[in-house]
């Protein structure tokens, strides 16, 4: 049977320990069972196994990894304070653990505490600047405040793990806001190749329509609307295409559809102009 990741990490930790400390069979089996339960999202059972391993060997030097996993499990069980307690105990024994810091940052974000998350992201990146996920999350959190810094983080994350659609989409957002539309289009296209997404499609098609409105762009918009008919932005793009084609009635129908689905009226008027006055 293939051993789990936590099983392997615990064995390596024991083998590299400076002292004669070893991991008992019971400890390994409990940790391995916890890992398997986590993979199956059986969080209550996972917590029970982790606590069993910690009670079995409370002084084990490898426990920091179990405390980290316990923080993850408790996060999924909506136990914010319990998760933070687990991370704090783990960090007391392994204060430079990027795993613990990254997982605690994730928990802070899960419970909507971005300030606390940012502190952990900064810390873990200072310890290891080649971590894709912390760079990604710091980039996403700073996009509006410090876009230059965010773009650097996102590019670095993309260079480490190039298969993240959200990273490519975020890079495209910053480039589009700067007016670098050709580069933005490339990143939006790359993002969509990795993962279809209605909002990324909307942003891409809006740029393509605004700068050209080719028949291919119109076909892609129609196909996107067939897939995501409730996206107001796609109806707005289709309205803009109708306007460019001088199809006033069709434009107004799509305008109204976009508004009915929750499109921002100010944005709609900015893109399409004010609606024609009724005679």
C-alpha atoms as a PDB file:
ATOM      1  CA  UNK A   1       0.000   0.000   0.000  1.00  0.00           C
ATOM      2  CA  UNK A   2       1.343   3.471  -0.899  1.00  0.00           C
ATOM      3  CA  UNK A   3       2.357   5.465   2.152  1.00  0.00           C
ATOM      4  CA  UNK A   4       0.834   8.893   2.662  1.00  0.00           C
ATOM      5  CA  UNK A   5       2.803  12.133   2.590  1.00  0.00           C
ATOM      6  CA  UNK A   6       2.533  12.670   6.316  1.00  0.00           C
ATOM      7  CA  UNK A   7       3.699   9.089   6.881  1.00  0.00           C
ATOM      8  CA  UNK A   8       6.827   9.733   4.802  1.00  0.00           C
ATOM      9  CA  UNK A   9       7.536  13.126   6.379  1.00  0.00           C
ATOM     10  CA  UNK A  10       7.281  11.705   9.880  1.00  0.00           C
ATOM     11  CA  UNK A  11       9.655   8.880   9.049  1.00  0.00           C
ATOM     12  CA  UNK A  12      12.180  11.279   7.557  1.00  0.00           C
ATOM     13  CA  UNK A  13      11.895  13.504  10.605  1.00  0.00           C
ATOM     14  CA  UNK A  14      12.661  10.573  12.841  1.00  0.00           C
ATOM     15  CA  UNK A  15      15.584   9.426  10.705  1.00  0.00           C
ATOM     16  CA  UNK A  16      17.164  12.890  10.704  1.00  0.00           C
ATOM     17  CA  UNK A  17      16.679  13.578  14.409  1.00  0.00           C
ATOM     18  CA  UNK A  18      19.851  14.320  16.273  1.00  0.00           C
ATOM     19  CA  UNK A  19      18.741  12.297  19.296  1.00  0.00           C
ATOM     20  CA  UNK A  20      17.764   8.662  19.503  1.00  0.00           C
ATOM     21  CA  UNK A  21      14.062   9.543  19.360  1.00  0.00           C
ATOM     22  CA  UNK A  22      11.986   7.156  17.262  1.00  0.00           C
ATOM     23  CA  UNK A  23       8.365   7.120  16.166  1.00  0.00           C
ATOM     24  CA  UNK A  24       6.300   4.278  17.541  1.00  0.00           C
ATOM     25  CA  UNK A  25       4.145   2.158  15.294  1.00  0.00           C
ATOM     26  CA  UNK A  26       0.986   3.423  17.027  1.00  0.00           C
ATOM     27  CA  UNK A  27       1.987   7.047  16.486  1.00  0.00           C
ATOM     28  CA  UNK A  28       2.658   6.437  12.792  1.00  0.00           C
ATOM     29  CA  UNK A  29      -0.605   4.558  12.318  1.00  0.00           C
ATOM     30  CA  UNK A  30      -2.646   7.290  14.011  1.00  0.00           C
ATOM     31  CA  UNK A  31      -0.956  10.008  11.938  1.00  0.00           C
ATOM     32  CA  UNK A  32      -1.463   8.015   8.752  1.00  0.00           C
ATOM     33  CA  UNK A  33      -5.134   7.443   9.567  1.00  0.00           C
ATOM     34  CA  UNK A  34      -5.577  11.183  10.197  1.00  0.00           C
ATOM     35  CA  UNK A  35      -4.048  11.949   6.807  1.00  0.00           C
ATOM     36  CA  UNK A  36      -6.375   9.510   5.075  1.00  0.00           C
ATOM     37  CA  UNK A  37      -9.411  10.990   6.834  1.00  0.00           C
ATOM     38  CA  UNK A  38      -8.321  14.474   5.765  1.00  0.00           C
ATOM     39  CA  UNK A  39      -8.125  13.375   2.146  1.00  0.00           C
ATOM     40  CA  UNK A  40     -11.685  12.068   2.441  1.00  0.00           C
ATOM     41  CA  UNK A  41     -12.796  15.268   4.232  1.00  0.00           C
ATOM     42  CA  UNK A  42     -13.874  13.365   7.325  1.00  0.00           C
ATOM     43  CA  UNK A  43     -12.769  16.163   9.588  1.00  0.00           C
ATOM     44  CA  UNK A  44     -14.137  14.908  12.897  1.00  0.00           C
ATOM     45  CA  UNK A  45     -12.417  11.546  12.471  1.00  0.00           C
ATOM     46  CA  UNK A  46      -9.213  13.277  11.371  1.00  0.00           C
ATOM     47  CA  UNK A  47      -9.188  15.424  14.515  1.00  0.00           C
ATOM     48  CA  UNK A  48      -9.744  12.358  16.675  1.00  0.00           C
ATOM     49  CA  UNK A  49      -6.764  10.556  15.102  1.00  0.00           C
ATOM     50  CA  UNK A  50      -4.479  13.599  15.380  1.00  0.00           C
ATOM     51  CA  UNK A  51      -5.348  14.110  19.030  1.00  0.00           C
ATOM     52  CA  UNK A  52      -4.722  10.417  19.628  1.00  0.00           C
ATOM     53  CA  UNK A  53      -1.234  10.670  18.135  1.00  0.00           C
ATOM     54  CA  UNK A  54      -0.441  13.809  20.124  1.00  0.00           C
ATOM     55  CA  UNK A  55      -1.573  12.204  23.378  1.00  0.00           C
ATOM     56  CA  UNK A  56       0.375   9.060  22.568  1.00  0.00           C
ATOM     57  CA  UNK A  57       3.661  10.968  22.169  1.00  0.00           C
ATOM     58  CA  UNK A  58       3.176  14.499  23.538  1.00  0.00           C
ATOM     59  CA  UNK A  59       6.901  15.323  23.479  1.00  0.00           C
ATOM     60  CA  UNK A  60       7.639  14.071  19.969  1.00  0.00           C
ATOM     61  CA  UNK A  61       9.658  16.563  17.930  1.00  0.00           C
ATOM     62  CA  UNK A  62       7.585  15.765  14.852  1.00  0.00           C
ATOM     63  CA  UNK A  63       4.375  16.971  16.479  1.00  0.00           C
ATOM     64  CA  UNK A  64       4.605  20.382  14.801  1.00  0.00           C
ATOM     65  CA  UNK A  65       3.324  18.737  11.610  1.00  0.00           C
ATOM     66  CA  UNK A  66       0.372  17.237  13.458  1.00  0.00           C
ATOM     67  CA  UNK A  67      -0.399  20.594  15.070  1.00  0.00           C
ATOM     68  CA  UNK A  68      -0.368  22.158  11.602  1.00  0.00           C
ATOM     69  CA  UNK A  69      -2.780  19.551  10.279  1.00  0.00           C
ATOM     70  CA  UNK A  70      -4.958  19.975  13.353  1.00  0.00           C
ATOM     71  CA  UNK A  71      -5.224  23.683  12.531  1.00  0.00           C
ATOM     72  CA  UNK A  72      -6.372  22.795   9.017  1.00  0.00           C
ATOM     73  CA  UNK A  73      -8.900  20.264  10.311  1.00  0.00           C
ATOM     74  CA  UNK A  74     -10.333  22.674  12.871  1.00  0.00           C
ATOM     75  CA  UNK A  75     -10.625  25.354  10.206  1.00  0.00           C
ATOM     76  CA  UNK A  76     -12.798  23.024   8.160  1.00  0.00           C
ATOM     77  CA  UNK A  77     -14.838  22.410  11.303  1.00  0.00           C
ATOM     78  CA  UNK A  78     -15.368  26.193  11.688  1.00  0.00           C
ATOM     79  CA  UNK A  79     -13.338  26.292  14.906  1.00  0.00           C
ATOM     80  CA  UNK A  80     -11.252  29.440  14.413  1.00  0.00           C
ATOM     81  CA  UNK A  81      -9.940  29.762  17.965  1.00  0.00           C
ATOM     82  CA  UNK A  82      -9.117  26.072  18.131  1.00  0.00           C
ATOM     83  CA  UNK A  83      -7.252  26.250  14.839  1.00  0.00           C
ATOM     84  CA  UNK A  84      -5.185  29.228  16.019  1.00  0.00           C
ATOM     85  CA  UNK A  85      -4.400  27.428  19.260  1.00  0.00           C
ATOM     86  CA  UNK A  86      -3.087  24.451  17.275  1.00  0.00           C
ATOM     87  CA  UNK A  87      -0.910  26.640  15.061  1.00  0.00           C
ATOM     88  CA  UNK A  88       0.457  28.561  18.051  1.00  0.00           C
ATOM     89  CA  UNK A  89       1.486  25.333  19.779  1.00  0.00           C
ATOM     90  CA  UNK A  90       3.101  24.085  16.596  1.00  0.00           C
ATOM     91  CA  UNK A  91       4.988  27.334  16.082  1.00  0.00           C
ATOM     92  CA  UNK A  92       6.253  27.268  19.662  1.00  0.00           C
ATOM     93  CA  UNK A  93       8.241  24.198  18.674  1.00  0.00           C
ATOM     94  CA  UNK A  94       8.953  25.132  15.055  1.00  0.00           C
ATOM     95  CA  UNK A  95       8.892  28.951  14.830  1.00  0.00           C
ATOM     96  CA  UNK A  96      10.399  29.021  11.326  1.00  0.00           C
ATOM     97  CA  UNK A  97       8.001  26.507   9.802  1.00  0.00           C
ATOM     98  CA  UNK A  98       6.676  27.905   6.531  1.00  0.00           C
ATOM     99  CA  UNK A  99       4.057  25.139   6.522  1.00  0.00           C
ATOM    100  CA  UNK A 100       2.596  26.316   9.820  1.00  0.00           C
ATOM    101  CA  UNK A 101       2.746  29.975   8.837  1.00  0.00           C
ATOM    102  CA  UNK A 102       1.144  29.364   5.426  1.00  0.00           C
ATOM    103  CA  UNK A 103      -1.599  27.219   6.915  1.00  0.00           C
ATOM    104  CA  UNK A 104      -2.315  29.821   9.589  1.00  0.00           C
ATOM    105  CA  UNK A 105      -2.492  32.497   6.882  1.00  0.00           C
ATOM    106  CA  UNK A 106      -5.000  30.329   5.022  1.00  0.00           C
ATOM    107  CA  UNK A 107      -7.088  29.977   8.172  1.00  0.00           C
ATOM    108  CA  UNK A 108      -7.077  33.748   8.746  1.00  0.00           C
ATOM    109  CA  UNK A 109      -8.294  34.234   5.171  1.00  0.00           C
ATOM    110  CA  UNK A 110     -10.919  31.500   5.570  1.00  0.00           C
ATOM    111  CA  UNK A 111     -12.399  33.446   8.483  1.00  0.00           C
ATOM    112  CA  UNK A 112     -11.965  36.828   6.736  1.00  0.00           C
ATOM    113  CA  UNK A 113      -9.067  38.273   8.714  1.00  0.00           C
ATOM    114  CA  UNK A 114      -6.817  39.595   5.920  1.00  0.00           C
ATOM    115  CA  UNK A 115      -4.612  41.724   8.170  1.00  0.00           C
ATOM    116  CA  UNK A 116      -3.566  38.747  10.278  1.00  0.00           C
ATOM    117  CA  UNK A 117      -3.117  36.684   7.129  1.00  0.00           C
ATOM    118  CA  UNK A 118      -0.831  39.307   5.612  1.00  0.00           C
ATOM    119  CA  UNK A 119       1.451  39.215   8.653  1.00  0.00           C
ATOM    120  CA  UNK A 120       1.883  35.455   8.276  1.00  0.00           C
ATOM    121  CA  UNK A 121       2.367  35.712   4.515  1.00  0.00           C
ATOM    122  CA  UNK A 122       5.086  38.326   4.952  1.00  0.00           C
ATOM    123  CA  UNK A 123       6.785  36.160   7.554  1.00  0.00           C
ATOM    124  CA  UNK A 124       6.763  32.943   5.548  1.00  0.00           C
ATOM    125  CA  UNK A 125       7.944  34.696   2.363  1.00  0.00           C
ATOM    126  CA  UNK A 126      10.797  36.265   4.335  1.00  0.00           C
ATOM    127  CA  UNK A 127      11.829  32.746   5.346  1.00  0.00           C
ATOM    128  CA  UNK A 128      11.466  31.273   1.853  1.00  0.00           C
ATOM    129  CA  UNK A 129      10.821  33.584  -1.101  1.00  0.00           C
ATOM    130  CA  UNK A 130      10.102  30.709  -3.512  1.00  0.00           C
ATOM    131  CA  UNK A 131       6.680  29.656  -2.254  1.00  0.00           C
ATOM    132  CA  UNK A 132       3.999  29.944  -4.924  1.00  0.00           C
ATOM    133  CA  UNK A 133       0.889  30.039  -2.711  1.00  0.00           C
ATOM    134  CA  UNK A 134       2.026  32.728  -0.224  1.00  0.00           C
ATOM    135  CA  UNK A 135       3.239  34.896  -3.104  1.00  0.00           C
ATOM    136  CA  UNK A 136      -0.084  34.426  -4.862  1.00  0.00           C
ATOM    137  CA  UNK A 137      -2.160  35.330  -1.831  1.00  0.00           C
ATOM    138  CA  UNK A 138      -0.041  38.353  -0.945  1.00  0.00           C
ATOM    139  CA  UNK A 139      -0.353  39.513  -4.539  1.00  0.00           C
ATOM    140  CA  UNK A 140      -4.131  39.116  -4.496  1.00  0.00           C
ATOM    141  CA  UNK A 141      -4.431  40.981  -1.196  1.00  0.00           C
ATOM    142  CA  UNK A 142      -2.361  43.958  -2.374  1.00  0.00           C
ATOM    143  CA  UNK A 143      -3.667  44.349  -5.946  1.00  0.00           C
ATOM    144  CA  UNK A 144      -5.641  47.521  -5.306  1.00  0.00           C
ATOM    145  CA  UNK A 145      -3.328  49.170  -2.756  1.00  0.00           C
ATOM    146  CA  UNK A 146       0.113  48.455  -4.223  1.00  0.00           C
ATOM    147  CA  UNK A 147      -0.335  47.023  -7.723  1.00  0.00           C
ATOM    148  CA  UNK A 148       3.374  47.188  -8.568  1.00  0.00           C
ATOM    149  CA  UNK A 149       4.290  45.034  -5.577  1.00  0.00           C
ATOM    150  CA  UNK A 150       1.347  42.740  -6.250  1.00  0.00           C
ATOM    151  CA  UNK A 151       2.415  42.254  -9.855  1.00  0.00           C
ATOM    152  CA  UNK A 152       5.927  41.283  -8.753  1.00  0.00           C
ATOM    153  CA  UNK A 153       4.541  38.719  -6.316  1.00  0.00           C
ATOM    154  CA  UNK A 154       2.123  37.307  -8.873  1.00  0.00           C
ATOM    155  CA  UNK A 155       4.794  37.030 -11.565  1.00  0.00           C
ATOM    156  CA  UNK A 156       7.076  35.222  -9.128  1.00  0.00           C
ATOM    157  CA  UNK A 157       4.274  32.880  -8.137  1.00  0.00           C
ATOM    158  CA  UNK A 158       3.530  32.219 -11.809  1.00  0.00           C
ATOM    159  CA  UNK A 159       7.185  31.436 -12.499  1.00  0.00           C
ATOM    160  CA  UNK A 160       7.227  28.875  -9.670  1.00  0.00           C
ATOM    161  CA  UNK A 161       3.862  27.228 -10.421  1.00  0.00           C
ATOM    162  CA  UNK A 162       2.627  28.225 -13.855  1.00  0.00           C
ATOM    163  CA  UNK A 163      -0.587  26.209 -13.749  1.00  0.00           C
ATOM    164  CA  UNK A 164      -2.643  28.531 -11.533  1.00  0.00           C
ATOM    165  CA  UNK A 165      -5.477  30.148 -13.487  1.00  0.00           C
ATOM    166  CA  UNK A 166      -6.246  32.636 -10.699  1.00  0.00           C
ATOM    167  CA  UNK A 167      -2.685  33.980 -10.743  1.00  0.00           C
ATOM    168  CA  UNK A 168      -2.761  34.526 -14.500  1.00  0.00           C
ATOM    169  CA  UNK A 169      -6.171  36.169 -14.245  1.00  0.00           C
ATOM    170  CA  UNK A 170      -4.963  38.518 -11.505  1.00  0.00           C
ATOM    171  CA  UNK A 171      -1.909  39.492 -13.543  1.00  0.00           C
ATOM    172  CA  UNK A 172      -4.244  40.226 -16.453  1.00  0.00           C
ATOM    173  CA  UNK A 173      -6.429  42.425 -14.229  1.00  0.00           C
ATOM    174  CA  UNK A 174      -3.480  44.590 -13.225  1.00  0.00           C
ATOM    175  CA  UNK A 175      -2.212  44.857 -16.795  1.00  0.00           C
ATOM    176  CA  UNK A 176      -5.688  45.752 -18.072  1.00  0.00           C
ATOM    177  CA  UNK A 177      -6.019  48.486 -15.431  1.00  0.00           C
ATOM    178  CA  UNK A 178      -2.719  49.912 -16.685  1.00  0.00           C
ATOM    179  CA  UNK A 179      -3.941  49.950 -20.264  1.00  0.00           C
ATOM    180  CA  UNK A 180      -1.615  47.135 -21.355  1.00  0.00           C
ATOM    181  CA  UNK A 181      -4.467  45.424 -23.142  1.00  0.00           C
ATOM    182  CA  UNK A 182      -2.463  43.179 -25.466  1.00  0.00           C
ATOM    183  CA  UNK A 183      -0.544  41.660 -22.553  1.00  0.00           C
ATOM    184  CA  UNK A 184      -3.731  41.429 -20.505  1.00  0.00           C
ATOM    185  CA  UNK A 185      -5.437  39.493 -23.303  1.00  0.00           C
ATOM    186  CA  UNK A 186      -2.576  36.998 -23.367  1.00  0.00           C
ATOM    187  CA  UNK A 187      -2.870  36.342 -19.638  1.00  0.00           C
ATOM    188  CA  UNK A 188      -6.674  36.114 -19.735  1.00  0.00           C
ATOM    189  CA  UNK A 189      -6.412  33.597 -22.563  1.00  0.00           C
ATOM    190  CA  UNK A 190      -3.833  31.592 -20.615  1.00  0.00           C
ATOM    191  CA  UNK A 191      -6.075  31.641 -17.541  1.00  0.00           C
ATOM    192  CA  UNK A 192      -9.069  30.358 -19.488  1.00  0.00           C
ATOM    193  CA  UNK A 193      -7.031  27.518 -20.979  1.00  0.00           C
ATOM    194  CA  UNK A 194      -6.369  26.317 -17.455  1.00  0.00           C
ATOM    195  CA  UNK A 195      -9.874  26.835 -16.054  1.00  0.00           C
ATOM    196  CA  UNK A 196     -13.047  28.190 -17.744  1.00  0.00           C
ATOM    197  CA  UNK A 197     -14.444  31.097 -15.725  1.00  0.00           C
ATOM    198  CA  UNK A 198     -17.318  33.462 -16.480  1.00  0.00           C
ATOM    199  CA  UNK A 199     -15.708  36.571 -14.976  1.00  0.00           C
ATOM    200  CA  UNK A 200     -12.414  36.042 -16.776  1.00  0.00           C
ATOM    201  CA  UNK A 201     -14.348  35.466 -19.999  1.00  0.00           C
ATOM    202  CA  UNK A 202     -16.285  38.681 -19.424  1.00  0.00           C
ATOM    203  CA  UNK A 203     -13.135  40.745 -18.916  1.00  0.00           C
ATOM    204  CA  UNK A 204     -11.412  39.229 -21.932  1.00  0.00           C
ATOM    205  CA  UNK A 205     -14.398  39.643 -24.235  1.00  0.00           C
ATOM    206  CA  UNK A 206     -14.945  43.223 -23.089  1.00  0.00           C
ATOM    207  CA  UNK A 207     -11.381  44.122 -24.084  1.00  0.00           C
ATOM    208  CA  UNK A 208     -11.647  42.281 -27.393  1.00  0.00           C
ATOM    209  CA  UNK A 209     -14.963  43.959 -28.166  1.00  0.00           C
ATOM    210  CA  UNK A 210     -13.761  47.400 -27.150  1.00  0.00           C
ATOM    211  CA  UNK A 211     -10.655  47.099 -29.307  1.00  0.00           C
ATOM    212  CA  UNK A 212     -12.044  45.253 -32.313  1.00  0.00           C
ATOM    213  CA  UNK A 213     -15.411  43.464 -32.128  1.00  0.00           C
ATOM    214  CA  UNK A 214     -14.484  40.769 -34.652  1.00  0.00           C
ATOM    215  CA  UNK A 215     -16.925  38.064 -35.687  1.00  0.00           C
ATOM    216  CA  UNK A 216     -14.831  35.585 -33.686  1.00  0.00           C
ATOM    217  CA  UNK A 217     -15.233  37.732 -30.561  1.00  0.00           C
ATOM    218  CA  UNK A 218     -18.979  37.871 -31.101  1.00  0.00           C
ATOM    219  CA  UNK A 219     -19.148  34.099 -31.558  1.00  0.00           C
ATOM    220  CA  UNK A 220     -17.164  33.597 -28.373  1.00  0.00           C
ATOM    221  CA  UNK A 221     -19.530  35.911 -26.501  1.00  0.00           C
ATOM    222  CA  UNK A 222     -22.573  33.998 -27.731  1.00  0.00           C
ATOM    223  CA  UNK A 223     -20.954  30.737 -26.629  1.00  0.00           C
ATOM    224  CA  UNK A 224     -20.067  32.207 -23.239  1.00  0.00           C
ATOM    225  CA  UNK A 225     -23.650  33.391 -22.747  1.00  0.00           C
ATOM    226  CA  UNK A 226     -24.889  29.913 -23.553  1.00  0.00           C
ATOM    227  CA  UNK A 227     -22.644  28.577 -20.785  1.00  0.00           C
ATOM    228  CA  UNK A 228     -23.227  31.389 -18.253  1.00  0.00           C
ATOM    229  CA  UNK A 229     -26.573  33.025 -19.118  1.00  0.00           C
ATOM    230  CA  UNK A 230     -26.905  34.687 -15.703  1.00  0.00           C
ATOM    231  CA  UNK A 231     -23.661  36.661 -15.898  1.00  0.00           C
ATOM    232  CA  UNK A 232     -24.603  40.341 -16.277  1.00  0.00           C
ATOM    233  CA  UNK A 233     -21.195  41.303 -17.639  1.00  0.00           C
ATOM    234  CA  UNK A 234     -21.512  39.000 -20.627  1.00  0.00           C
ATOM    235  CA  UNK A 235     -24.870  40.582 -21.498  1.00  0.00           C
ATOM    236  CA  UNK A 236     -23.199  43.982 -21.239  1.00  0.00           C
ATOM    237  CA  UNK A 237     -20.499  42.844 -23.669  1.00  0.00           C
ATOM    238  CA  UNK A 238     -23.139  41.561 -26.054  1.00  0.00           C
ATOM    239  CA  UNK A 239     -24.951  44.899 -25.800  1.00  0.00           C
ATOM    240  CA  UNK A 240     -21.731  46.707 -26.706  1.00  0.00           C
ATOM    241  CA  UNK A 241     -21.318  44.454 -29.723  1.00  0.00           C
ATOM    242  CA  UNK A 242     -24.856  45.249 -30.852  1.00  0.00           C
ATOM    243  CA  UNK A 243     -24.156  48.956 -30.400  1.00  0.00           C
ATOM    244  CA  UNK A 244     -21.044  48.721 -32.560  1.00  0.00           C
ATOM    245  CA  UNK A 245     -23.098  46.913 -35.175  1.00  0.00           C
ATOM    246  CA  UNK A 246     -25.675  49.748 -35.012  1.00  0.00           C
ATOM    247  CA  UNK A 247     -28.323  47.330 -33.742  1.00  0.00           C
ATOM    248  CA  UNK A 248     -29.999  49.727 -31.322  1.00  0.00           C
ATOM    249  CA  UNK A 249     -32.986  47.604 -30.296  1.00  0.00           C
ATOM    250  CA  UNK A 250     -30.834  44.537 -29.639  1.00  0.00           C
ATOM    251  CA  UNK A 251     -28.392  46.671 -27.666  1.00  0.00           C
ATOM    252  CA  UNK A 252     -31.168  47.988 -25.426  1.00  0.00           C
ATOM    253  CA  UNK A 253     -32.558  44.503 -24.815  1.00  0.00           C
ATOM    254  CA  UNK A 254     -29.161  43.309 -23.652  1.00  0.00           C
ATOM    255  CA  UNK A 255     -28.694  46.477 -21.572  1.00  0.00           C
ATOM    256  CA  UNK A 256     -31.928  45.781 -19.730  1.00  0.00           C
ATOM    257  CA  UNK A 257     -30.998  42.137 -19.291  1.00  0.00           C
ATOM    258  CA  UNK A 258     -27.634  43.091 -17.801  1.00  0.00           C
ATOM    259  CA  UNK A 259     -29.309  45.533 -15.409  1.00  0.00           C
ATOM    260  CA  UNK A 260     -31.923  42.990 -14.370  1.00  0.00           C
ATOM    261  CA  UNK A 261     -29.133  40.581 -13.453  1.00  0.00           C
ATOM    262  CA  UNK A 262     -27.432  43.134 -11.225  1.00  0.00           C
ATOM    263  CA  UNK A 263     -25.019  45.040 -13.451  1.00  0.00           C
ATOM    264  CA  UNK A 264     -23.879  48.380 -12.025  1.00  0.00           C
ATOM    265  CA  UNK A 265     -25.959  51.081 -13.791  1.00  0.00           C
ATOM    266  CA  UNK A 266     -23.046  53.537 -13.703  1.00  0.00           C
ATOM    267  CA  UNK A 267     -20.753  51.030 -15.398  1.00  0.00           C
ATOM    268  CA  UNK A 268     -23.438  50.129 -17.935  1.00  0.00           C
ATOM    269  CA  UNK A 269     -23.924  53.770 -18.923  1.00  0.00           C
ATOM    270  CA  UNK A 270     -20.180  54.322 -18.992  1.00  0.00           C
ATOM    271  CA  UNK A 271     -19.715  51.493 -21.491  1.00  0.00           C
ATOM    272  CA  UNK A 272     -22.879  51.883 -23.555  1.00  0.00           C
ATOM    273  CA  UNK A 273     -23.702  55.538 -23.051  1.00  0.00           C
ATOM    274  CA  UNK A 274     -27.005  56.730 -21.669  1.00  0.00           C
ATOM    275  CA  UNK A 275     -30.060  54.901 -22.968  1.00  0.00           C
ATOM    276  CA  UNK A 276     -32.032  56.678 -25.684  1.00  0.00           C
ATOM    277  CA  UNK A 277     -34.902  58.827 -24.483  1.00  0.00           C
ATOM    278  CA  UNK A 278     -38.350  57.566 -25.163  1.00  0.00           C
ATOM    279  CA  UNK A 279     -40.339  59.689 -27.595  1.00  0.00           C
END
